Amino acid sequence: MPVRNERGVIAESYYDLQGLRVLDAARESHPVVAASPESTLRAVFQAIEIALLNLSDVIKRAARDIEQDLLGSATVKMFWVRGLHRVLVRLSMAPGQLALADDTALVLRIKDSPAFQEYIEALKEFDHNVLSQISTGKLDVISTLADRSLEDMACNFLHLTRISNHESTIWESNLASVRAPSTTSSYEEFVLSESMRDTVYERVLKGDTFFTQFRGLHQIPEILGHEVADRLEESIRSLRRAQLHVAADHLRCANILMEGVLAAVPPMADSLTTTDYHQIRENLGLTSGSHSVTLRYHVSLHLYEQLWEELASCLAGSQADVASEGVVLQAARQAEQQRFSDLQAWMAHLLIDHCLQLRTLIFQWREQHLHMPRNNLGGESTKSLTGSPDAVEAVKRMRNAARAKDPMLPLARLRGVVNGHLDSSATPLSAYLESKSSLDNQLLQATGGITKRRFKNVQERLEYFAERSDFVPPPRRRA
């Protein structure tokens, strides 16, 4: 039997927490060719479905808050609504960037999405409740918009509402009609809509928390990351076959999807406060974002390293047996110099471009994830759920180790990219913020103190948290 607290089940693992078993079962029940136009576009629309379901959940709860005169609680939810709309805008751009289908394919229309239809109904309920507040004089729209700014709760609420509404017209327009390379006959069949709903609601907690949104904003990267990994694997194989054009196209798709992965981080950083995170913390169990097999290991480590190895071998060409860093960089320089006069050099230049774009996205993803331990756990040797002595420092060490061991760093330097984290003299702002005299340092200490007092069982490794995480890094994924 799973361990429970007053809110619900305590997760046994990251895989369990994020409902990845449901996603894997959906893929297995309706398999498609890996790293194909169909699989890539399906991943995008599945991520969209997850975002829409989360959006519907939050807007329904905001509508109930308004009905109960809880403007402050509704305003908090509108921050989440705005963040989810921004994720949807980013995801909605992907089909146009990918351009994967032809004129004979299935036409996907967002109006056919069950989650979209649910959102429209939820929005109408929300509008009705807000308009009722306006009609009774409880919410004065004219004076709020005319005379108040964001220090005022009502102004914040209305401002977030109108921003969100316009954002929705952007993603709706982008997704109004998208051709998909599939033999399926409907939107629901292509996206596996019921399975996406099961993924979102397979686990919920009691109370007014943002646990569902926390999961959703992890599920979206996991869905996209699975496809990124498959695309990277195919790009590696293509490089081995000297099919540079094929490898470049797989990398192009991987990078577009990685932008969607990255887009899911800011809404959590912006809207998940210390208090709201602490409401759900115990239910996360002995888990860590670093336990993501797909994103941390397959994408950011195993396949990333193999991609560099194959690119280096490809650049070295006939000198592959002695492909030292100097040989590879000289070949890269030559490709840069000849790219406008030689087709092979242009393909090498394009591959370097795509690899460096991937590198930037992966390291930005690492950087953005520091928001979570900083904002929700704090400093002062605050332990992570899995027992790291200092959660913030543990994430920083992982980030710095990845940068120090980055196999593509020489290639980045060749293009003039300086790695600031390896040169502290180049980052005086970061040095100041980490100093004891900065406000940021004081906020970290205050947050850490709150977390340690509130979660003595985590800090002192008592009860459920006396156990050790049974997570084991996966075997190296080889293309």
Protein backbone atom coordinates (compact mmCIF):
# COMPACT_ATOMS: atom_id res chain seq x y z
CA MET A 1 0.00 0.00 0.00
CA PRO A 2 1.33 3.46 -0.83
CA VAL A 3 2.16 5.77 2.07
CA ARG A 4 -0.33 8.62 2.54
CA ASN A 5 -0.72 11.86 4.47
CA GLU A 6 -3.79 14.04 5.02
CA ARG A 7 -3.66 15.34 1.43
CA GLY A 8 -3.17 12.02 -0.34
CA VAL A 9 -0.54 9.62 -1.65
CA ILE A 10 3.16 10.26 -1.06
CA ALA A 11 5.01 9.49 -4.27
CA GLU A 12 7.26 6.46 -4.39
CA SER A 13 9.47 7.78 -7.20
CA TYR A 14 9.76 10.54 -9.80
CA TYR A 15 8.33 8.09 -12.35
CA ASP A 16 5.35 7.50 -10.06
CA LEU A 17 4.93 11.18 -9.11
CA GLN A 18 4.72 12.48 -12.67
CA GLY A 19 2.38 9.78 -13.97
CA LEU A 20 4.94 8.58 -16.50
CA ARG A 21 3.57 5.06 -16.33
CA VAL A 22 0.33 6.34 -17.90
CA LEU A 23 2.25 8.09 -20.68
CA ASP A 24 4.32 4.98 -21.40
CA ALA A 25 1.18 2.84 -21.54
CA ALA A 26 -0.41 5.27 -24.01
CA ARG A 27 2.62 5.07 -26.31
CA GLU A 28 2.67 1.28 -26.13
CA SER A 29 -1.04 0.98 -26.88
CA HIS A 30 -0.82 3.21 -29.99
CA PRO A 31 2.75 2.89 -31.30
CA VAL A 32 4.07 5.04 -34.13
CA VAL A 33 7.49 5.12 -35.81
CA ALA A 34 10.00 6.76 -33.48
CA ALA A 35 11.43 10.14 -34.52
CA SER A 36 8.93 10.37 -37.37
CA PRO A 37 6.82 13.36 -38.41
CA GLU A 38 3.83 11.61 -36.83
CA SER A 39 5.51 10.94 -33.48
CA THR A 40 6.92 14.47 -33.27
CA LEU A 41 3.66 16.25 -33.98
CA ARG A 42 1.78 13.89 -31.68
CA ALA A 43 4.15 14.79 -28.85
CA VAL A 44 3.48 18.49 -29.45
CA PHE A 45 -0.29 18.05 -29.39
CA GLN A 46 -0.16 15.79 -26.36
CA ALA A 47 1.77 18.51 -24.53
CA ILE A 48 -0.89 20.99 -25.66
CA GLU A 49 -3.65 18.73 -24.33
CA ILE A 50 -1.90 18.49 -20.96
CA ALA A 51 -1.57 22.29 -20.81
CA LEU A 52 -5.25 22.78 -21.70
CA LEU A 53 -6.43 20.34 -19.04
CA ASN A 54 -4.35 22.18 -16.44
CA LEU A 55 -5.71 25.50 -17.67
CA SER A 56 -9.29 24.26 -17.32
CA ASP A 57 -8.60 23.03 -13.81
CA VAL A 58 -7.23 26.40 -12.65
CA ILE A 59 -9.86 28.58 -14.31
CA LYS A 60 -12.66 26.46 -12.80
CA ARG A 61 -11.15 26.93 -9.36
CA ALA A 62 -10.76 30.66 -9.95
CA ALA A 63 -14.43 30.82 -10.93
CA ARG A 64 -15.38 29.16 -7.62
CA ASP A 65 -13.19 31.61 -5.72
CA ILE A 66 -14.94 34.56 -7.36
CA GLU A 67 -18.33 33.05 -6.53
CA GLN A 68 -17.23 32.91 -2.87
CA ASP A 69 -15.80 36.50 -2.89
CA LEU A 70 -12.22 35.19 -2.61
CA LEU A 71 -10.57 37.70 -4.94
CA GLY A 72 -7.07 37.14 -3.55
CA SER A 73 -7.23 33.38 -4.09
CA ALA A 74 -8.63 33.90 -7.60
CA THR A 75 -5.82 36.33 -8.41
CA VAL A 76 -3.19 33.75 -7.45
CA LYS A 77 -4.80 31.33 -9.87
CA MET A 78 -4.78 33.94 -12.62
CA PHE A 79 -0.98 34.08 -12.37
CA TRP A 80 -1.00 30.34 -13.13
CA VAL A 81 -3.50 30.89 -15.94
CA ARG A 82 -1.26 33.48 -17.56
CA GLY A 83 1.74 31.17 -17.26
CA LEU A 84 -0.11 28.26 -18.86
CA HIS A 85 -1.28 30.46 -21.73
CA ARG A 86 2.35 31.42 -22.35
CA VAL A 87 3.29 27.74 -22.49
CA LEU A 88 0.49 27.15 -24.99
CA VAL A 89 1.66 30.03 -27.18
CA ARG A 90 5.16 28.54 -27.28
CA LEU A 91 3.82 25.05 -28.05
CA SER A 92 1.44 26.39 -30.69
CA MET A 93 4.38 27.80 -32.65
CA ALA A 94 6.00 24.36 -33.00
CA PRO A 95 3.78 22.95 -35.81
CA GLY A 96 4.57 25.95 -38.01
CA GLN A 97 8.28 25.65 -37.25
CA LEU A 98 8.36 21.91 -37.80
CA ALA A 99 6.25 21.94 -41.03
CA LEU A 100 6.06 18.15 -41.09
CA ALA A 101 2.93 17.31 -43.10
CA ASP A 102 1.76 17.49 -46.70
CA ASP A 103 -1.61 18.22 -48.31
CA THR A 104 -2.90 14.66 -47.96
CA ALA A 105 -2.57 14.37 -44.20
CA LEU A 106 -5.09 14.50 -41.35
CA VAL A 107 -6.20 18.03 -40.40
CA LEU A 108 -6.01 18.71 -36.67
CA ARG A 109 -8.29 21.45 -35.40
CA ILE A 110 -7.92 22.63 -31.83
CA LYS A 111 -11.69 23.10 -31.60
CA ASP A 112 -11.94 19.28 -31.75
CA SER A 113 -9.82 18.88 -28.61
CA PRO A 114 -11.86 17.68 -25.62
CA ALA A 115 -9.61 19.70 -23.32
CA PHE A 116 -10.16 22.83 -25.44
CA GLN A 117 -13.91 22.38 -25.28
CA GLU A 118 -13.69 21.94 -21.53
CA TYR A 119 -11.66 25.14 -21.26
CA ILE A 120 -14.23 27.19 -23.16
CA GLU A 121 -17.00 26.00 -20.84
CA ALA A 122 -14.84 26.76 -17.80
CA LEU A 123 -14.03 30.23 -19.15
CA LYS A 124 -17.73 30.98 -19.66
CA GLU A 125 -18.42 30.03 -16.03
CA PHE A 126 -15.52 32.23 -14.92
CA ASP A 127 -16.77 35.18 -16.99
CA HIS A 128 -20.29 34.73 -15.63
CA ASN A 129 -19.10 34.83 -12.04
CA VAL A 130 -16.87 37.88 -12.59
CA LEU A 131 -19.62 39.73 -14.45
CA SER A 132 -21.96 39.00 -11.55
CA GLN A 133 -19.46 40.62 -9.19
CA ILE A 134 -19.31 43.64 -11.49
CA SER A 135 -23.09 43.94 -11.75
CA THR A 136 -23.51 43.90 -7.95
CA GLY A 137 -20.79 46.51 -7.48
CA LYS A 138 -18.42 44.19 -5.60
CA LEU A 139 -15.86 44.65 -8.36
CA ASP A 140 -15.55 48.20 -9.72
CA VAL A 141 -13.97 47.78 -13.16
CA ILE A 142 -13.95 51.47 -14.11
CA SER A 143 -12.18 52.85 -11.04
CA THR A 144 -9.85 49.85 -10.84
CA LEU A 145 -8.63 50.19 -14.41
CA ALA A 146 -8.62 53.99 -14.36
CA ASP A 147 -6.96 54.72 -11.04
CA ARG A 148 -5.09 51.69 -9.71
CA SER A 149 -1.90 49.82 -10.56
CA LEU A 150 -0.46 46.41 -9.79
CA GLU A 151 -0.21 47.11 -6.06
CA ASP A 152 -3.98 46.63 -6.01
CA MET A 153 -5.43 43.10 -5.95
CA ALA A 154 -8.40 43.87 -8.20
CA CYS A 155 -6.17 45.57 -10.75
CA ASN A 156 -3.85 42.56 -10.78
CA PHE A 157 -6.81 40.26 -11.28
CA LEU A 158 -8.26 42.21 -14.22
CA HIS A 159 -4.86 42.80 -15.81
CA LEU A 160 -3.97 39.10 -15.70
CA THR A 161 -7.40 38.23 -17.09
CA ARG A 162 -7.15 40.43 -20.17
CA ILE A 163 -3.55 39.36 -20.87
CA SER A 164 -4.59 35.72 -20.66
CA ASN A 165 -7.56 36.23 -22.95
CA HIS A 166 -5.42 37.74 -25.69
CA GLU A 167 -2.78 35.03 -25.31
CA SER A 168 -5.51 32.45 -25.88
CA THR A 169 -6.41 34.00 -29.23
CA ILE A 170 -2.77 33.63 -30.32
CA TRP A 171 -2.47 29.92 -29.63
CA GLU A 172 -5.98 29.23 -30.87
CA SER A 173 -5.16 30.88 -34.20
CA ASN A 174 -1.88 28.97 -34.51
CA LEU A 175 -3.67 25.68 -33.86
CA ALA A 176 -6.89 26.33 -35.78
CA SER A 177 -5.89 24.03 -38.62
CA VAL A 178 -2.72 21.94 -38.62
CA ARG A 179 -1.99 19.08 -40.99
CA ALA A 180 -0.66 15.94 -39.36
CA PRO A 181 1.09 13.06 -41.14
CA SER A 182 -1.15 10.32 -39.78
CA THR A 183 -3.57 7.61 -40.87
CA THR A 184 -5.79 8.21 -37.84
CA SER A 185 -9.20 9.71 -38.46
CA SER A 186 -9.70 12.20 -35.64
CA TYR A 187 -8.02 14.61 -33.26
CA GLU A 188 -8.83 12.46 -30.24
CA GLU A 189 -7.42 9.32 -31.85
CA PHE A 190 -4.24 11.08 -32.97
CA VAL A 191 -3.55 12.82 -29.63
CA LEU A 192 -4.86 9.99 -27.40
CA SER A 193 -6.92 12.56 -25.53
CA GLU A 194 -8.35 10.17 -22.94
CA SER A 195 -4.88 8.97 -22.02
CA MET A 196 -3.74 12.59 -21.58
CA ARG A 197 -6.68 13.18 -19.24
CA ASP A 198 -5.72 10.05 -17.30
CA THR A 199 -2.16 11.36 -17.07
CA VAL A 200 -3.31 14.66 -15.56
CA TYR A 201 -5.90 13.29 -13.14
CA GLU A 202 -4.37 9.90 -12.33
CA ARG A 203 -3.34 11.48 -9.02
CA VAL A 204 -4.85 14.49 -7.26
CA LEU A 205 -4.50 15.84 -3.75
CA LYS A 206 -7.14 17.08 -1.37
CA GLY A 207 -7.41 20.82 -0.92
CA ASP A 208 -6.79 23.91 -2.99
CA THR A 209 -3.21 23.23 -4.13
CA PHE A 210 -1.21 23.52 -7.34
CA PHE A 211 -0.09 19.90 -7.28
CA THR A 212 -1.84 19.18 -10.60
CA GLN A 213 -0.07 22.12 -12.24
CA PHE A 214 3.28 21.12 -10.71
CA ARG A 215 2.85 17.70 -12.31
CA GLY A 216 1.56 19.11 -15.59
CA LEU A 217 4.56 21.38 -16.00
CA HIS A 218 6.78 18.33 -15.54
CA GLN A 219 4.69 16.09 -17.77
CA ILE A 220 4.94 18.50 -20.73
CA PRO A 221 8.78 18.40 -20.75
CA GLU A 222 8.74 14.63 -20.29
CA ILE A 223 6.49 14.15 -23.33
CA LEU A 224 8.59 16.46 -25.49
CA GLY A 225 11.85 15.18 -24.02
CA HIS A 226 10.99 11.61 -25.02
CA GLU A 227 10.72 12.77 -28.63
CA VAL A 228 13.87 14.91 -28.34
CA ALA A 229 15.80 11.83 -27.23
CA ASP A 230 14.53 9.81 -30.19
CA ARG A 231 15.45 12.63 -32.58
CA LEU A 232 18.95 12.90 -31.09
CA GLU A 233 19.42 9.16 -31.42
CA GLU A 234 18.49 9.31 -35.09
CA SER A 235 20.79 12.28 -35.68
CA ILE A 236 23.68 10.30 -34.19
CA ARG A 237 22.96 7.32 -36.42
CA SER A 238 22.69 9.59 -39.45
CA LEU A 239 26.09 11.12 -38.69
CA ARG A 240 27.58 7.62 -38.55
CA ARG A 241 26.20 7.00 -42.03
CA ALA A 242 27.61 10.36 -43.20
CA GLN A 243 24.05 11.54 -43.90
CA LEU A 244 24.67 15.08 -42.71
CA HIS A 245 21.46 16.48 -44.16
CA VAL A 246 19.35 13.88 -42.33
CA ALA A 247 21.20 14.48 -39.07
CA ALA A 248 20.66 18.22 -39.41
CA ASP A 249 16.92 17.80 -39.86
CA HIS A 250 16.61 15.59 -36.78
CA LEU A 251 18.57 18.16 -34.77
CA ARG A 252 16.37 20.96 -36.07
CA CYS A 253 13.28 19.14 -34.79
CA ALA A 254 14.95 18.34 -31.46
CA ASN A 255 15.78 22.00 -30.87
CA ILE A 256 12.25 23.17 -31.63
CA LEU A 257 10.92 20.65 -29.10
CA MET A 258 13.54 21.69 -26.55
CA GLU A 259 12.19 25.22 -26.72
CA GLY A 260 8.87 23.75 -25.56
CA VAL A 261 10.64 21.90 -22.75
CA LEU A 262 12.20 25.16 -21.61
CA ALA A 263 8.89 27.05 -21.82
CA ALA A 264 7.38 24.91 -19.05
CA VAL A 265 9.82 26.16 -16.41
CA PRO A 266 8.94 29.90 -15.99
CA PRO A 267 5.31 29.39 -14.87
CA MET A 268 6.53 27.37 -11.89
CA ALA A 269 9.28 29.87 -11.11
CA ASP A 270 6.85 32.78 -11.37
CA SER A 271 3.82 31.35 -9.59
CA LEU A 272 4.84 28.55 -7.22
CA THR A 273 5.53 30.39 -3.97
CA THR A 274 7.25 28.95 -0.93
CA THR A 275 3.93 28.50 0.87
CA ASP A 276 2.19 26.83 -2.08
CA TYR A 277 5.11 24.47 -2.65
CA HIS A 278 5.24 23.57 1.04
CA GLN A 279 1.58 22.51 0.90
CA ILE A 280 2.48 19.71 -1.50
CA ARG A 281 6.10 19.00 -0.57
CA GLU A 282 5.59 15.85 1.50
CA ASN A 283 3.50 14.31 -1.26
CA LEU A 284 6.45 14.53 -3.63
CA GLY A 285 8.16 11.81 -1.59
CA LEU A 286 11.81 10.88 -1.99
CA THR A 287 11.98 12.41 -5.46
CA SER A 288 14.06 14.94 -7.33
CA GLY A 289 13.93 16.51 -10.77
CA SER A 290 17.39 15.04 -11.24
CA HIS A 291 15.66 11.63 -11.34
CA SER A 292 14.23 12.35 -14.79
CA VAL A 293 15.69 9.53 -16.86
CA THR A 294 14.68 11.16 -20.13
CA LEU A 295 15.75 14.75 -19.55
CA ARG A 296 18.72 14.52 -17.20
CA TYR A 297 20.26 11.29 -18.45
CA HIS A 298 19.17 10.47 -22.00
CA VAL A 299 18.98 13.99 -23.44
CA SER A 300 21.43 16.02 -21.37
CA LEU A 301 24.08 13.37 -20.81
CA HIS A 302 24.07 10.11 -22.77
CA LEU A 303 22.92 11.26 -26.20
CA TYR A 304 24.43 14.72 -25.90
CA GLU A 305 27.88 13.19 -25.38
CA GLN A 306 27.41 10.70 -28.24
CA LEU A 307 26.25 13.50 -30.52
CA TRP A 308 29.51 15.31 -29.91
CA GLU A 309 31.53 12.16 -30.51
CA GLU A 310 29.87 11.56 -33.88
CA LEU A 311 30.08 15.22 -34.88
CA ALA A 312 33.79 15.28 -33.99
CA SER A 313 34.36 12.12 -36.02
CA CYS A 314 32.42 13.57 -38.93
CA LEU A 315 34.40 16.83 -38.87
CA ALA A 316 37.73 15.01 -38.62
CA GLY A 317 36.86 12.87 -41.65
CA SER A 318 39.87 10.94 -42.87
CA GLN A 319 41.73 11.93 -39.71
CA ALA A 320 39.08 10.34 -37.51
CA ASP A 321 41.55 7.86 -36.02
CA VAL A 322 43.56 10.74 -34.60
CA ALA A 323 40.61 13.06 -33.94
CA SER A 324 42.18 15.15 -31.20
CA GLU A 325 40.49 18.33 -30.12
CA GLY A 326 42.92 20.33 -32.27
CA VAL A 327 42.12 18.30 -35.38
CA VAL A 328 38.38 18.67 -34.85
CA LEU A 329 38.55 22.41 -34.22
CA GLN A 330 40.74 22.95 -37.27
CA ALA A 331 38.19 21.08 -39.38
CA ALA A 332 35.43 23.21 -37.87
CA ARG A 333 37.34 26.42 -38.69
CA GLN A 334 37.82 25.25 -42.24
CA ALA A 335 34.12 24.48 -42.58
CA GLU A 336 33.28 27.96 -41.30
CA GLN A 337 35.63 29.59 -43.79
CA GLN A 338 34.38 27.58 -46.78
CA ARG A 339 30.69 27.35 -45.95
CA PHE A 340 29.54 29.75 -48.68
CA SER A 341 31.54 28.06 -51.43
CA ASP A 342 31.34 24.38 -50.57
CA LEU A 343 28.14 22.38 -49.93
CA GLN A 344 29.81 19.89 -47.58
CA ALA A 345 31.30 22.74 -45.57
CA TRP A 346 27.86 24.35 -45.37
CA MET A 347 26.37 21.12 -43.99
CA ALA A 348 29.14 20.93 -41.38
CA HIS A 349 28.46 24.57 -40.45
CA LEU A 350 24.73 23.84 -40.13
CA LEU A 351 25.37 20.84 -37.89
CA ILE A 352 27.64 22.92 -35.67
CA ASP A 353 24.88 25.54 -35.46
CA HIS A 354 22.27 22.98 -34.42
CA CYS A 355 24.58 21.38 -31.86
CA LEU A 356 25.39 24.71 -30.25
CA GLN A 357 21.70 25.61 -30.18
CA LEU A 358 21.01 22.32 -28.40
CA ARG A 359 23.85 23.04 -25.98
CA THR A 360 22.40 26.46 -25.16
CA LEU A 361 18.91 25.07 -24.58
CA ILE A 362 20.13 22.26 -22.32
CA PHE A 363 22.21 24.57 -20.16
CA GLN A 364 19.44 27.15 -20.00
CA TRP A 365 17.12 24.38 -18.80
CA ARG A 366 19.62 23.58 -16.05
CA GLU A 367 19.90 27.25 -15.05
CA GLN A 368 16.14 27.82 -14.97
CA HIS A 369 15.66 24.84 -12.67
CA LEU A 370 17.65 26.57 -9.95
CA HIS A 371 14.58 28.73 -9.34
CA MET A 372 12.80 25.84 -7.65
CA PRO A 373 15.25 25.04 -4.81
CA ARG A 374 16.06 28.73 -4.39
CA ASN A 375 12.44 29.88 -4.10
CA ASN A 376 10.92 26.90 -2.33
CA LEU A 377 13.66 25.39 -0.16
CA GLY A 378 16.22 28.14 0.41
CA GLY A 379 19.78 28.10 1.69
CA GLU A 380 21.31 27.55 5.13
CA SER A 381 21.96 23.84 4.50
CA THR A 382 18.32 23.05 3.78
CA LYS A 383 18.09 19.39 2.82
CA SER A 384 16.38 18.17 -0.32
CA LEU A 385 13.68 15.49 -0.25
CA THR A 386 16.28 12.92 -1.25
CA GLY A 387 18.68 13.98 1.53
CA SER A 388 21.20 16.26 -0.19
CA PRO A 389 22.73 18.34 2.65
CA ASP A 390 22.07 21.61 0.82
CA ALA A 391 19.51 21.46 -2.00
CA VAL A 392 20.53 24.71 -3.71
CA GLU A 393 24.24 23.92 -3.60
CA ALA A 394 23.58 20.38 -4.87
CA VAL A 395 21.83 21.73 -7.98
CA LYS A 396 24.60 24.28 -8.51
CA ARG A 397 27.23 21.56 -8.27
CA MET A 398 25.40 19.46 -10.87
CA ARG A 399 25.17 22.47 -13.15
CA ASN A 400 28.83 23.41 -12.72
CA ALA A 401 29.99 19.82 -13.18
CA ALA A 402 28.01 19.57 -16.42
CA ARG A 403 29.58 22.79 -17.70
CA ALA A 404 33.09 21.75 -16.70
CA LYS A 405 32.72 18.39 -18.46
CA ASP A 406 30.80 19.77 -21.44
CA PRO A 407 32.29 18.04 -24.51
CA MET A 408 31.04 20.81 -26.80
CA LEU A 409 32.75 23.59 -24.84
CA PRO A 410 35.72 23.80 -27.26
CA LEU A 411 33.31 24.16 -30.17
CA ALA A 412 31.44 26.91 -28.31
CA ARG A 413 34.69 28.75 -27.63
CA LEU A 414 35.58 28.48 -31.29
CA ARG A 415 32.37 30.43 -31.98
CA GLY A 416 33.28 33.03 -29.35
CA VAL A 417 31.06 31.75 -26.51
CA VAL A 418 32.65 32.35 -23.11
CA ASN A 419 31.58 30.10 -20.24
CA GLY A 420 31.14 32.50 -17.34
CA HIS A 421 30.67 29.79 -14.71
CA LEU A 422 34.28 28.71 -15.22
CA ASP A 423 35.57 32.26 -14.75
CA SER A 424 34.32 33.92 -11.56
CA SER A 425 36.09 37.19 -12.38
CA ALA A 426 33.70 37.57 -15.33
CA THR A 427 30.58 37.37 -13.14
CA PRO A 428 30.77 40.09 -10.46
CA LEU A 429 26.98 40.36 -10.23
CA SER A 430 26.66 36.67 -9.37
CA ALA A 431 29.48 37.04 -6.83
CA TYR A 432 27.67 39.94 -5.15
CA LEU A 433 24.33 38.12 -5.04
CA GLU A 434 26.01 35.15 -3.35
CA SER A 435 27.70 37.39 -0.77
CA LYS A 436 26.31 37.73 2.75
CA SER A 437 25.64 41.44 2.23
CA SER A 438 23.07 40.96 -0.55
CA LEU A 439 19.30 40.92 -0.10
CA ASP A 440 19.19 37.76 -2.20
CA ASN A 441 21.36 35.95 0.31
CA GLN A 442 19.12 37.09 3.14
CA LEU A 443 16.03 35.84 1.30
CA LEU A 444 17.68 32.46 0.74
CA GLN A 445 18.51 32.19 4.44
CA ALA A 446 14.98 33.19 5.46
CA THR A 447 13.43 30.66 3.08
CA GLY A 448 15.76 27.95 4.32
CA GLY A 449 14.87 28.67 7.92
CA ILE A 450 11.15 28.44 7.17
CA THR A 451 11.59 25.17 5.29
CA LYS A 452 13.66 23.53 8.00
CA ARG A 453 11.23 24.50 10.73
CA ARG A 454 8.22 23.36 8.74
CA PHE A 455 9.72 20.04 7.59
CA LYS A 456 11.70 18.64 10.50
CA ASN A 457 10.98 15.13 9.26
CA VAL A 458 12.80 15.94 5.99
CA GLN A 459 15.60 17.90 7.63
CA GLU A 460 16.27 15.31 10.32
CA ARG A 461 15.40 12.32 8.09
CA LEU A 462 12.55 11.04 10.25
CA GLU A 463 9.55 8.78 9.53
CA TYR A 464 9.05 8.30 5.78
CA PHE A 465 12.05 10.49 5.02
CA ALA A 466 14.36 8.32 7.11
CA GLU A 467 14.39 6.01 4.09
CA ARG A 468 16.85 6.45 1.26
CA SER A 469 15.68 7.01 -2.28
CA ASP A 470 15.90 3.80 -4.27
CA PHE A 471 16.53 5.69 -7.52
CA VAL A 472 19.37 4.23 -9.56
CA PRO A 473 20.77 6.05 -12.58
CA PRO A 474 19.75 4.24 -15.77
CA PRO A 475 22.25 2.38 -17.94
CA ARG A 476 23.81 4.54 -20.61
CA ARG A 477 21.50 4.94 -23.58
CA ARG A 478 23.43 4.14 -26.73
CA ALA A 479 22.33 5.15 -30.19
